Amino acid sequence: MRPFRTARAVAALRRTLTNPFLRRQLSTSSGNAALCFTSTHAGRLSPAPLAPSALCRTLTIPFLHLQLSAFSAKAASTNTKSSDDDDNEDGDPIAAAKSAIRSESDPDRLVSLFESSAHHPSFYSDRQIYKISVHKLVRYGRPDLVERILEGAKSDANIKKSEGFLIRLISLYSDAGMIDHSVRIFEAIPSLGCQRSERSLCALLLAFLENKKFDRIQEAIDRYAKEYSIVPGIASYNVLLKALCSSYKVDEAFALLDEMPAKGVEPDIVCYNTVLDGYFKMRDDSGFEKVLKEIGKKKLRQTMNTYNCRIAALCAKGKSSQAEGLLAVMQSDGVYPNTVCFNTLIGGFCKEGNVDSAMKVYESMKRTGVSPDFSTYVALLNGFVKKGEFQKALGICKQCLDSKWAPPFAMVKDLVDGLIKSSQLDEAKDIIARMRGRITKGDSKDAWRKIEKGFAL
């Protein structure tokens, strides 16, 4: 039995063993099955931890297998191939391992699942299983276990240490906020049998950027160029530009664009977009226009990000109609608007109180085959509610719920209150019922119930 299938079977078996009738039968019918129980202080039998080998022996007992079939479909599926899930596990053991890791709530058991599945040839090439495991361990506050699985991968003699694989370890340590571990991986690359390049340098620079260690980026570029002869290219400089913009040094970023050619690197549209976005976020109109002029002077082809930034800048100044005019310009340039572009326009019109124009953009969005997302519905719902157009708000709210998103409670509350005041009680009750059906878990469910109690129905 595979390790991760065993783990699932153990969990299912433990649940099954809580059945009183089955406990009595097991205690008298099988010596092996009796090993599944320990005595409690009250003299009762309770399930004991099962080693994989003991579990395998136990599952072969005819009576137990019969009872498991009756009381636990999950346990039965470990000995049969009748379920689709079991077929999927046999066909793709890594997918089954990922599923087991996703559902595991104990960090130590998660690591045991990870390590016991690592023998599979395709395990280390699967990026997602690493990401899922690291992210869960970070949520559990277990950097020690993050280090255990990643250092285990680094030291495993059966794994070929390509630069790409080590870049992944640098990035995973970055995701865990363990930036010094990322540095150690980068510096150890030659000792692990491969060469550093700008690719691995960029991975380290991105780790600094993502962890807001902006001052270490320029330092790393200078140091590793000198010590390891790694010549920074356009990708490295773009990370540096992002760091400067993120630390509100946008003028320095713009100056760097002029310095780059002398360093043998010609800035591309991605570099200019980074600085353009930096000036937009600083609300520096003159700097923004200065970058646009440079883009035009250098005859760089504007991309989706360029146009999105321009549209956002106009909408922020209350010029959404002018921003909408850029849709035709960008399409004539072979650049077609995406969800971000449409959402920016919809949000801009709604903030100006022009919900009819926002709705026209929404209809255009759907006609062009661009799917609305949660932000689309929220902007429209908020716009219609604020204008007191509750019937239109109702339609948007229903579309949002039909798309399996529950809108923000405050907006729905305002909508329901508006419907009640306008004597649309059936519509109000319908939205309340839909929200109740959509929100089924935890604190959100309790919060919505409190809001429900306040409605004047």
Protein backbone atom coordinates (compact mmCIF):
# COMPACT_ATOMS: atom_id res chain seq x y z
CA MET A 1 0.00 0.00 0.00
CA ARG A 2 1.39 3.40 -0.95
CA PRO A 3 2.29 5.70 1.98
CA PHE A 4 -0.23 8.42 1.21
CA ARG A 5 -2.97 5.84 0.58
CA THR A 6 -2.08 4.30 3.93
CA ALA A 7 -2.44 7.68 5.64
CA ARG A 8 -5.89 8.12 4.17
CA ALA A 9 -6.86 4.60 5.16
CA VAL A 10 -5.66 5.18 8.72
CA ALA A 11 -7.86 8.27 9.02
CA ALA A 12 -10.85 6.47 7.54
CA LEU A 13 -10.28 3.40 9.71
CA ARG A 14 -10.05 5.51 12.86
CA ARG A 15 -13.39 7.08 12.06
CA THR A 16 -14.89 3.66 11.36
CA LEU A 17 -13.57 2.21 14.62
CA THR A 18 -15.63 4.68 16.64
CA ASN A 19 -18.72 2.60 15.79
CA PRO A 20 -19.63 0.78 19.08
CA PHE A 21 -20.86 -2.38 17.36
CA LEU A 22 -17.72 -2.72 15.29
CA ARG A 23 -15.54 -2.18 18.37
CA ARG A 24 -17.27 -5.08 20.19
CA GLN A 25 -16.99 -7.38 17.18
CA LEU A 26 -13.33 -6.59 16.64
CA SER A 27 -12.40 -7.16 20.26
CA THR A 28 -13.75 -10.74 20.12
CA SER A 29 -13.26 -11.71 16.48
CA SER A 30 -9.62 -10.98 15.77
CA GLY A 31 -6.40 -10.80 17.69
CA ASN A 32 -4.96 -8.57 15.02
CA ALA A 33 -7.97 -6.31 15.10
CA ALA A 34 -7.70 -6.06 18.88
CA LEU A 35 -4.33 -4.43 18.33
CA CYS A 36 -6.28 -1.48 16.95
CA PHE A 37 -7.45 -0.52 20.45
CA THR A 38 -5.97 0.70 23.69
CA SER A 39 -7.66 0.94 27.07
CA THR A 40 -8.69 4.32 28.37
CA HIS A 41 -8.86 5.36 32.03
CA ALA A 42 -12.60 4.69 31.92
CA GLY A 43 -12.05 1.10 30.84
CA ARG A 44 -13.29 1.77 27.32
CA LEU A 45 -11.58 0.80 24.12
CA SER A 46 -10.29 3.59 21.90
CA PRO A 47 -8.49 3.43 18.55
CA ALA A 48 -4.71 3.19 18.88
CA PRO A 49 -2.25 4.56 16.32
CA LEU A 50 -1.69 2.06 13.53
CA ALA A 51 1.64 1.50 11.86
CA PRO A 52 1.28 1.02 8.09
CA SER A 53 2.29 -2.65 8.33
CA ALA A 54 -0.26 -3.29 11.10
CA LEU A 55 -2.92 -1.54 9.10
CA CYS A 56 -2.18 -3.68 6.04
CA ARG A 57 -2.48 -6.86 8.12
CA THR A 58 -5.65 -5.64 9.79
CA LEU A 59 -7.32 -4.78 6.51
CA THR A 60 -6.91 -8.38 5.31
CA ILE A 61 -9.16 -9.78 8.08
CA PRO A 62 -12.35 -10.94 6.25
CA PHE A 63 -14.75 -9.82 8.97
CA LEU A 64 -13.07 -6.44 9.32
CA HIS A 65 -13.08 -5.91 5.59
CA LEU A 66 -16.79 -6.72 5.49
CA GLN A 67 -17.52 -4.29 8.33
CA LEU A 68 -15.39 -1.58 6.77
CA SER A 69 -17.39 -1.94 3.58
CA ALA A 70 -20.57 -1.41 5.52
CA PHE A 71 -19.39 1.42 7.74
CA SER A 72 -16.74 3.29 5.75
CA ALA A 73 -16.63 3.67 1.99
CA LYS A 74 -13.27 5.42 2.27
CA ALA A 75 -11.68 2.55 4.14
CA ALA A 76 -13.12 0.02 1.71
CA SER A 77 -11.68 1.92 -1.22
CA THR A 78 -8.16 1.13 -0.03
CA ASN A 79 -8.73 -2.58 -0.73
CA THR A 80 -10.85 -2.33 -3.85
CA LYS A 81 -10.60 -0.61 -7.21
CA SER A 82 -14.26 0.17 -7.55
CA SER A 83 -14.01 3.90 -6.84
CA ASP A 84 -12.99 6.56 -9.33
CA ASP A 85 -10.75 8.14 -6.70
CA ASP A 86 -8.75 4.93 -6.31
CA ASP A 87 -8.36 4.61 -10.07
CA ASN A 88 -7.05 8.16 -10.16
CA GLU A 89 -4.53 7.38 -7.43
CA ASP A 90 -3.27 4.32 -9.31
CA GLY A 91 -3.02 6.35 -12.50
CA ASP A 92 -1.40 9.39 -10.92
CA PRO A 93 0.20 8.75 -7.52
CA ILE A 94 1.53 12.30 -7.31
CA ALA A 95 -2.01 13.67 -7.68
CA ALA A 96 -3.08 11.38 -4.84
CA ALA A 97 -0.16 12.59 -2.71
CA LYS A 98 -1.14 16.20 -3.34
CA SER A 99 -4.72 15.44 -2.38
CA ALA A 100 -3.59 13.80 0.87
CA ILE A 101 -1.27 16.71 1.70
CA ARG A 102 -4.02 19.25 0.97
CA SER A 103 -6.39 17.54 3.39
CA GLU A 104 -3.82 16.95 6.15
CA SER A 105 -4.18 19.35 9.07
CA ASP A 106 -1.27 18.13 11.19
CA PRO A 107 2.06 19.65 10.05
CA ASP A 108 4.18 16.72 11.26
CA ARG A 109 2.00 14.19 9.45
CA LEU A 110 2.05 16.42 6.37
CA VAL A 111 5.86 16.22 6.30
CA SER A 112 5.71 12.45 6.80
CA LEU A 113 3.39 12.20 3.78
CA PHE A 114 5.72 14.41 1.77
CA GLU A 115 8.83 12.41 2.65
CA SER A 116 7.22 8.99 2.21
CA SER A 117 6.03 9.96 -1.28
CA ALA A 118 9.38 11.41 -2.37
CA HIS A 119 10.64 8.08 -3.70
CA HIS A 120 8.45 8.40 -6.79
CA PRO A 121 10.52 9.31 -9.90
CA SER A 122 8.32 12.25 -10.88
CA PHE A 123 7.95 13.65 -7.36
CA TYR A 124 10.73 16.23 -7.46
CA SER A 125 9.66 17.56 -10.85
CA ASP A 126 6.21 18.45 -9.52
CA ARG A 127 6.24 22.13 -8.57
CA GLN A 128 2.77 22.20 -7.06
CA ILE A 129 3.37 19.57 -4.41
CA TYR A 130 6.26 21.64 -3.06
CA LYS A 131 4.28 24.87 -3.15
CA ILE A 132 1.24 23.35 -1.40
CA SER A 133 3.41 21.79 1.32
CA VAL A 134 5.50 24.90 1.99
CA HIS A 135 2.50 27.24 2.04
CA LYS A 136 0.63 25.02 4.51
CA LEU A 137 3.66 24.73 6.78
CA VAL A 138 4.07 28.52 6.71
CA ARG A 139 0.42 28.90 7.78
CA TYR A 140 1.06 26.48 10.63
CA GLY A 141 4.09 28.56 11.71
CA ARG A 142 6.58 25.72 11.17
CA PRO A 143 9.71 27.09 9.46
CA ASP A 144 11.62 24.13 10.94
CA LEU A 145 9.56 21.76 8.82
CA VAL A 146 9.92 23.95 5.73
CA GLU A 147 13.68 23.68 6.20
CA ARG A 148 13.43 19.93 6.74
CA ILE A 149 11.69 19.18 3.44
CA LEU A 150 13.70 21.66 1.35
CA GLU A 151 17.09 20.74 2.81
CA GLY A 152 16.11 17.10 2.36
CA ALA A 153 15.54 17.75 -1.32
CA LYS A 154 18.83 19.64 -1.61
CA SER A 155 20.83 16.80 -0.01
CA ASP A 156 19.06 13.88 -1.73
CA ALA A 157 21.72 12.12 -3.81
CA ASN A 158 19.07 10.70 -6.16
CA ILE A 159 18.03 14.14 -7.39
CA LYS A 160 19.90 15.84 -10.20
CA LYS A 161 20.60 19.37 -8.99
CA SER A 162 19.85 21.47 -12.03
CA GLU A 163 19.92 25.26 -11.75
CA GLY A 164 16.16 25.25 -12.35
CA PHE A 165 15.57 22.94 -9.38
CA LEU A 166 17.75 25.08 -7.10
CA ILE A 167 15.97 28.22 -8.30
CA ARG A 168 12.76 26.58 -7.14
CA LEU A 169 14.25 26.06 -3.67
CA ILE A 170 15.33 29.72 -3.58
CA SER A 171 11.77 30.77 -4.44
CA LEU A 172 10.17 28.40 -1.93
CA TYR A 173 12.36 29.69 0.88
CA SER A 174 11.35 33.18 -0.23
CA ASP A 175 7.66 32.20 -0.02
CA ALA A 176 8.33 31.09 3.55
CA GLY A 177 10.02 34.41 4.38
CA MET A 178 13.30 32.54 4.99
CA ILE A 179 15.40 34.88 2.90
CA ASP A 180 18.79 33.94 4.40
CA HIS A 181 18.14 30.33 3.39
CA SER A 182 17.53 31.57 -0.17
CA VAL A 183 20.94 33.27 -0.08
CA ARG A 184 22.61 30.09 1.19
CA ILE A 185 21.09 28.03 -1.63
CA PHE A 186 22.30 30.57 -4.21
CA GLU A 187 25.82 30.63 -2.81
CA ALA A 188 25.96 26.81 -2.63
CA ILE A 189 24.99 26.24 -6.28
CA PRO A 190 28.53 25.34 -7.54
CA SER A 191 29.04 22.86 -4.68
CA LEU A 192 25.84 21.13 -5.77
CA GLY A 193 27.18 20.41 -9.24
CA CYS A 194 25.91 23.21 -11.46
CA GLN A 195 26.75 26.77 -12.42
CA ARG A 196 25.17 30.03 -11.36
CA SER A 197 23.79 32.29 -14.05
CA GLU A 198 21.68 35.43 -14.25
CA ARG A 199 18.62 33.17 -13.90
CA SER A 200 19.54 32.13 -10.37
CA LEU A 201 20.67 35.68 -9.56
CA CYS A 202 17.24 36.95 -10.66
CA ALA A 203 15.54 34.36 -8.45
CA LEU A 204 17.50 35.69 -5.48
CA LEU A 205 16.76 39.32 -6.41
CA LEU A 206 13.06 38.49 -6.64
CA ALA A 207 13.27 36.87 -3.21
CA PHE A 208 14.62 40.16 -1.84
CA LEU A 209 11.89 42.09 -3.67
CA GLU A 210 9.05 39.87 -2.44
CA ASN A 211 10.31 40.13 1.13
CA LYS A 212 10.75 43.92 0.85
CA LYS A 213 14.52 43.77 1.31
CA PHE A 214 14.95 46.49 -1.29
CA ASP A 215 18.35 47.68 -0.11
CA ARG A 216 19.85 44.23 -0.65
CA ILE A 217 19.06 44.15 -4.37
CA GLN A 218 21.61 46.71 -5.58
CA GLU A 219 24.10 45.30 -3.09
CA ALA A 220 23.62 41.77 -4.49
CA ILE A 221 23.95 42.93 -8.11
CA ASP A 222 27.23 44.70 -7.35
CA ARG A 223 28.63 41.97 -5.12
CA TYR A 224 27.90 38.99 -7.33
CA ALA A 225 29.05 40.77 -10.48
CA LYS A 226 32.40 41.25 -8.75
CA GLU A 227 32.72 37.94 -6.87
CA TYR A 228 31.05 35.51 -9.27
CA SER A 229 31.31 37.42 -12.59
CA ILE A 230 27.54 37.30 -13.09
CA VAL A 231 26.72 40.11 -15.49
CA PRO A 232 23.25 41.52 -14.72
CA GLY A 233 20.94 41.63 -17.72
CA ILE A 234 17.61 43.24 -18.40
CA ALA A 235 15.74 40.89 -16.03
CA SER A 236 18.00 41.83 -13.11
CA TYR A 237 17.64 45.53 -13.84
CA ASN A 238 13.88 45.25 -14.04
CA VAL A 239 13.83 43.78 -10.52
CA LEU A 240 15.99 46.71 -9.39
CA LEU A 241 13.59 49.15 -11.07
CA LYS A 242 10.65 47.56 -9.24
CA ALA A 243 12.53 47.81 -5.95
CA LEU A 244 13.25 51.51 -6.48
CA CYS A 245 9.62 52.20 -7.38
CA SER A 246 8.37 50.15 -4.42
CA SER A 247 10.54 52.22 -2.08
CA TYR A 248 9.20 55.48 -3.59
CA LYS A 249 12.46 56.26 -5.43
CA VAL A 250 10.78 56.57 -8.81
CA ASP A 251 13.01 59.42 -9.98
CA GLU A 252 16.04 57.18 -9.32
CA ALA A 253 14.35 54.44 -11.33
CA PHE A 254 13.81 56.85 -14.23
CA ALA A 255 17.46 57.92 -14.05
CA LEU A 256 18.49 54.25 -14.13
CA LEU A 257 16.71 53.86 -17.48
CA ASP A 258 19.18 56.38 -18.92
CA GLU A 259 22.16 54.67 -17.26
CA MET A 260 21.38 51.14 -18.44
CA PRO A 261 22.64 51.48 -22.05
CA ALA A 262 26.09 52.46 -20.76
CA LYS A 263 26.07 49.20 -18.76
CA GLY A 264 25.34 47.24 -21.92
CA VAL A 265 21.62 46.78 -21.28
CA GLU A 266 18.96 48.50 -23.39
CA PRO A 267 15.73 49.03 -21.41
CA ASP A 268 12.65 47.49 -23.00
CA ILE A 269 8.94 48.27 -22.66
CA VAL A 270 8.74 46.15 -19.49
CA CYS A 271 11.28 48.44 -17.81
CA TYR A 272 9.40 51.55 -18.92
CA ASN A 273 6.08 50.07 -17.78
CA THR A 274 7.58 49.50 -14.33
CA VAL A 275 8.58 53.15 -14.00
CA LEU A 276 5.29 54.33 -15.55
CA ASP A 277 3.39 52.37 -12.91
CA GLY A 278 5.66 53.81 -10.23
CA TYR A 279 4.80 57.38 -11.22
CA PHE A 280 1.09 56.47 -11.43
CA LYS A 281 1.11 55.12 -7.87
CA MET A 282 2.89 58.27 -6.70
CA ARG A 283 0.24 60.34 -8.52
CA ASP A 284 3.10 62.18 -10.26
CA ASP A 285 1.47 63.37 -13.49
CA SER A 286 4.57 65.09 -14.86
CA GLY A 287 6.72 62.01 -14.29
CA PHE A 288 4.02 59.83 -15.85
CA GLU A 289 3.91 61.98 -19.00
CA LYS A 290 7.71 62.06 -19.12
CA VAL A 291 7.86 58.26 -19.32
CA LEU A 292 5.13 58.16 -22.00
CA LYS A 293 7.14 60.60 -24.11
CA GLU A 294 10.23 58.41 -23.77
CA ILE A 295 8.23 55.36 -24.85
CA GLY A 296 7.06 57.27 -27.94
CA LYS A 297 10.51 58.66 -28.70
CA LYS A 298 12.09 55.20 -28.55
CA LYS A 299 9.21 53.80 -30.63
CA LEU A 300 8.56 51.02 -28.15
CA ARG A 301 5.39 49.03 -28.79
CA GLN A 302 2.95 49.60 -25.95
CA THR A 303 1.65 46.48 -24.22
CA MET A 304 -1.44 45.60 -22.21
CA ASN A 305 0.30 46.84 -19.06
CA THR A 306 1.09 50.19 -20.70
CA TYR A 307 -2.53 50.74 -21.71
CA ASN A 308 -3.90 49.50 -18.39
CA CYS A 309 -1.67 52.00 -16.61
CA ARG A 310 -2.81 54.83 -18.89
CA ILE A 311 -6.48 53.92 -18.41
CA ALA A 312 -6.03 53.73 -14.63
CA ALA A 313 -4.32 57.13 -14.56
CA LEU A 314 -7.19 58.78 -16.46
CA CYS A 315 -9.88 57.09 -14.34
CA ALA A 316 -8.10 58.22 -11.18
CA LYS A 317 -8.45 61.82 -12.40
CA GLY A 318 -12.17 61.40 -13.13
CA LYS A 319 -11.62 61.13 -16.89
CA SER A 320 -13.17 57.71 -17.47
CA SER A 321 -14.77 58.73 -20.79
CA GLN A 322 -11.35 59.71 -22.11
CA ALA A 323 -9.94 56.46 -20.77
CA GLU A 324 -12.65 54.50 -22.59
CA GLY A 325 -11.45 56.09 -25.83
CA LEU A 326 -8.15 54.24 -25.38
CA LEU A 327 -9.96 50.93 -26.00
CA ALA A 328 -10.16 51.68 -29.72
CA VAL A 329 -6.55 52.90 -29.79
CA MET A 330 -5.18 49.79 -28.12
CA GLN A 331 -7.21 47.44 -30.33
CA SER A 332 -5.93 49.20 -33.45
CA ASP A 333 -2.45 48.51 -32.04
CA GLY A 334 -3.26 44.80 -31.77
CA VAL A 335 -3.69 44.89 -27.99
CA TYR A 336 -7.04 43.62 -26.74
CA PRO A 337 -8.47 44.66 -23.35
CA ASN A 338 -8.45 42.15 -20.53
CA THR A 339 -10.44 41.85 -17.30
CA VAL A 340 -8.20 44.35 -15.48
CA CYS A 341 -8.74 46.92 -18.22
CA PHE A 342 -12.54 46.59 -18.19
CA ASN A 343 -12.70 46.54 -14.39
CA THR A 344 -10.68 49.75 -14.20
CA LEU A 345 -13.12 51.48 -16.54
CA ILE A 346 -16.18 50.11 -14.74
CA GLY A 347 -14.77 51.20 -11.39
CA GLY A 348 -13.90 54.62 -12.78
CA PHE A 349 -17.39 55.26 -14.14
CA CYS A 350 -19.01 54.02 -10.92
CA LYS A 351 -16.88 56.36 -8.81
CA GLU A 352 -18.02 59.22 -11.02
CA GLY A 353 -21.64 58.15 -10.47
CA ASN A 354 -22.01 57.25 -14.15
CA VAL A 355 -23.37 53.75 -13.63
CA ASP A 356 -25.08 53.64 -17.03
CA SER A 357 -21.71 54.01 -18.78
CA ALA A 358 -20.25 51.43 -16.41
CA MET A 359 -23.02 49.03 -17.44
CA LYS A 360 -22.28 49.65 -21.12
CA VAL A 361 -18.63 48.76 -20.53
CA TYR A 362 -19.80 45.62 -18.73
CA GLU A 363 -21.96 44.59 -21.68
CA SER A 364 -19.06 45.31 -24.06
CA MET A 365 -16.84 43.19 -21.85
CA LYS A 366 -19.16 40.19 -22.19
CA ARG A 367 -19.59 40.69 -25.95
CA THR A 368 -15.83 40.55 -26.48
CA GLY A 369 -15.61 37.27 -24.57
CA VAL A 370 -13.84 38.64 -21.48
CA SER A 371 -15.23 37.02 -18.33
CA PRO A 372 -16.31 39.25 -15.42
CA ASP A 373 -14.72 38.47 -12.08
CA PHE A 374 -15.58 39.23 -8.46
CA SER A 375 -14.21 42.79 -8.74
CA THR A 376 -16.46 43.47 -11.74
CA TYR A 377 -19.61 42.58 -9.83
CA VAL A 378 -18.55 44.41 -6.67
CA ALA A 379 -17.89 47.67 -8.55
CA LEU A 380 -21.25 47.53 -10.33
CA LEU A 381 -23.20 46.47 -7.25
CA ASN A 382 -21.67 49.26 -5.20
CA GLY A 383 -22.36 51.78 -7.96
CA PHE A 384 -26.04 50.87 -8.37
CA VAL A 385 -26.70 50.68 -4.62
CA LYS A 386 -25.17 54.11 -4.05
CA LYS A 387 -27.34 55.54 -6.84
CA GLY A 388 -30.42 53.92 -5.31
CA GLU A 389 -31.03 51.82 -8.43
CA PHE A 390 -31.93 48.71 -6.47
CA GLN A 391 -33.52 46.75 -9.31
CA LYS A 392 -30.33 46.91 -11.37
CA ALA A 393 -28.27 46.21 -8.26
CA LEU A 394 -30.46 43.16 -7.65
CA GLY A 395 -29.65 41.79 -11.11
CA ILE A 396 -25.90 42.24 -10.59
CA CYS A 397 -26.08 40.67 -7.13
CA LYS A 398 -27.84 37.61 -8.55
CA GLN A 399 -25.24 37.27 -11.31
CA CYS A 400 -22.48 37.44 -8.71
CA LEU A 401 -24.13 34.77 -6.57
CA ASP A 402 -24.79 32.61 -9.63
CA SER A 403 -21.04 32.80 -10.31
CA LYS A 404 -20.52 31.35 -6.80
CA TRP A 405 -19.24 34.57 -5.22
CA ALA A 406 -20.86 36.15 -2.19
CA PRO A 407 -20.67 39.96 -2.46
CA PRO A 408 -19.42 42.03 0.50
CA PHE A 409 -21.97 41.88 3.32
CA ALA A 410 -22.22 45.65 3.72
CA MET A 411 -23.24 46.08 0.08
CA VAL A 412 -25.81 43.29 0.25
CA LYS A 413 -27.20 44.76 3.47
CA ASP A 414 -27.64 48.14 1.78
CA LEU A 415 -29.28 46.42 -1.20
CA VAL A 416 -31.72 44.44 0.97
CA ASP A 417 -32.56 47.54 3.03
CA GLY A 418 -33.23 49.41 -0.21
CA LEU A 419 -35.46 46.65 -1.54
CA ILE A 420 -37.43 46.57 1.72
CA LYS A 421 -37.92 50.35 1.70
CA SER A 422 -39.16 50.18 -1.88
CA SER A 423 -41.63 47.41 -0.90
CA GLN A 424 -39.84 44.69 -2.90
CA LEU A 425 -40.08 42.20 -0.05
CA ASP A 426 -40.03 39.03 -2.15
CA GLU A 427 -36.85 40.16 -3.90
CA ALA A 428 -35.27 41.02 -0.55
CA LYS A 429 -36.15 37.58 0.86
CA ASP A 430 -34.77 35.90 -2.25
CA ILE A 431 -31.38 37.63 -1.88
CA ILE A 432 -31.28 36.78 1.84
CA ALA A 433 -31.97 33.11 1.05
CA ARG A 434 -29.35 33.05 -1.71
CA MET A 435 -26.74 34.57 0.59
CA ARG A 436 -27.60 32.05 3.30
CA GLY A 437 -27.11 29.22 0.81
CA ARG A 438 -23.82 30.60 -0.45
CA ILE A 439 -22.24 31.29 2.96
CA THR A 440 -21.93 27.97 4.75
CA LYS A 441 -18.74 28.12 6.81
CA GLY A 442 -17.31 29.55 9.99
CA ASP A 443 -17.26 33.15 11.07
CA SER A 444 -18.74 34.38 7.79
CA LYS A 445 -21.88 32.33 8.38
CA ASP A 446 -22.27 33.74 11.89
CA ALA A 447 -21.66 37.29 10.67
CA TRP A 448 -24.31 36.95 7.97
CA ARG A 449 -26.84 35.55 10.47
CA LYS A 450 -26.35 38.65 12.64
CA ILE A 451 -27.00 40.88 9.63
CA GLU A 452 -30.13 38.88 8.75
CA LYS A 453 -31.60 39.48 12.20
CA GLY A 454 -31.45 43.22 11.63
CA PHE A 455 -33.64 43.26 8.52
CA ALA A 456 -37.11 44.75 8.98
CA LEU A 457 -39.03 41.84 7.48
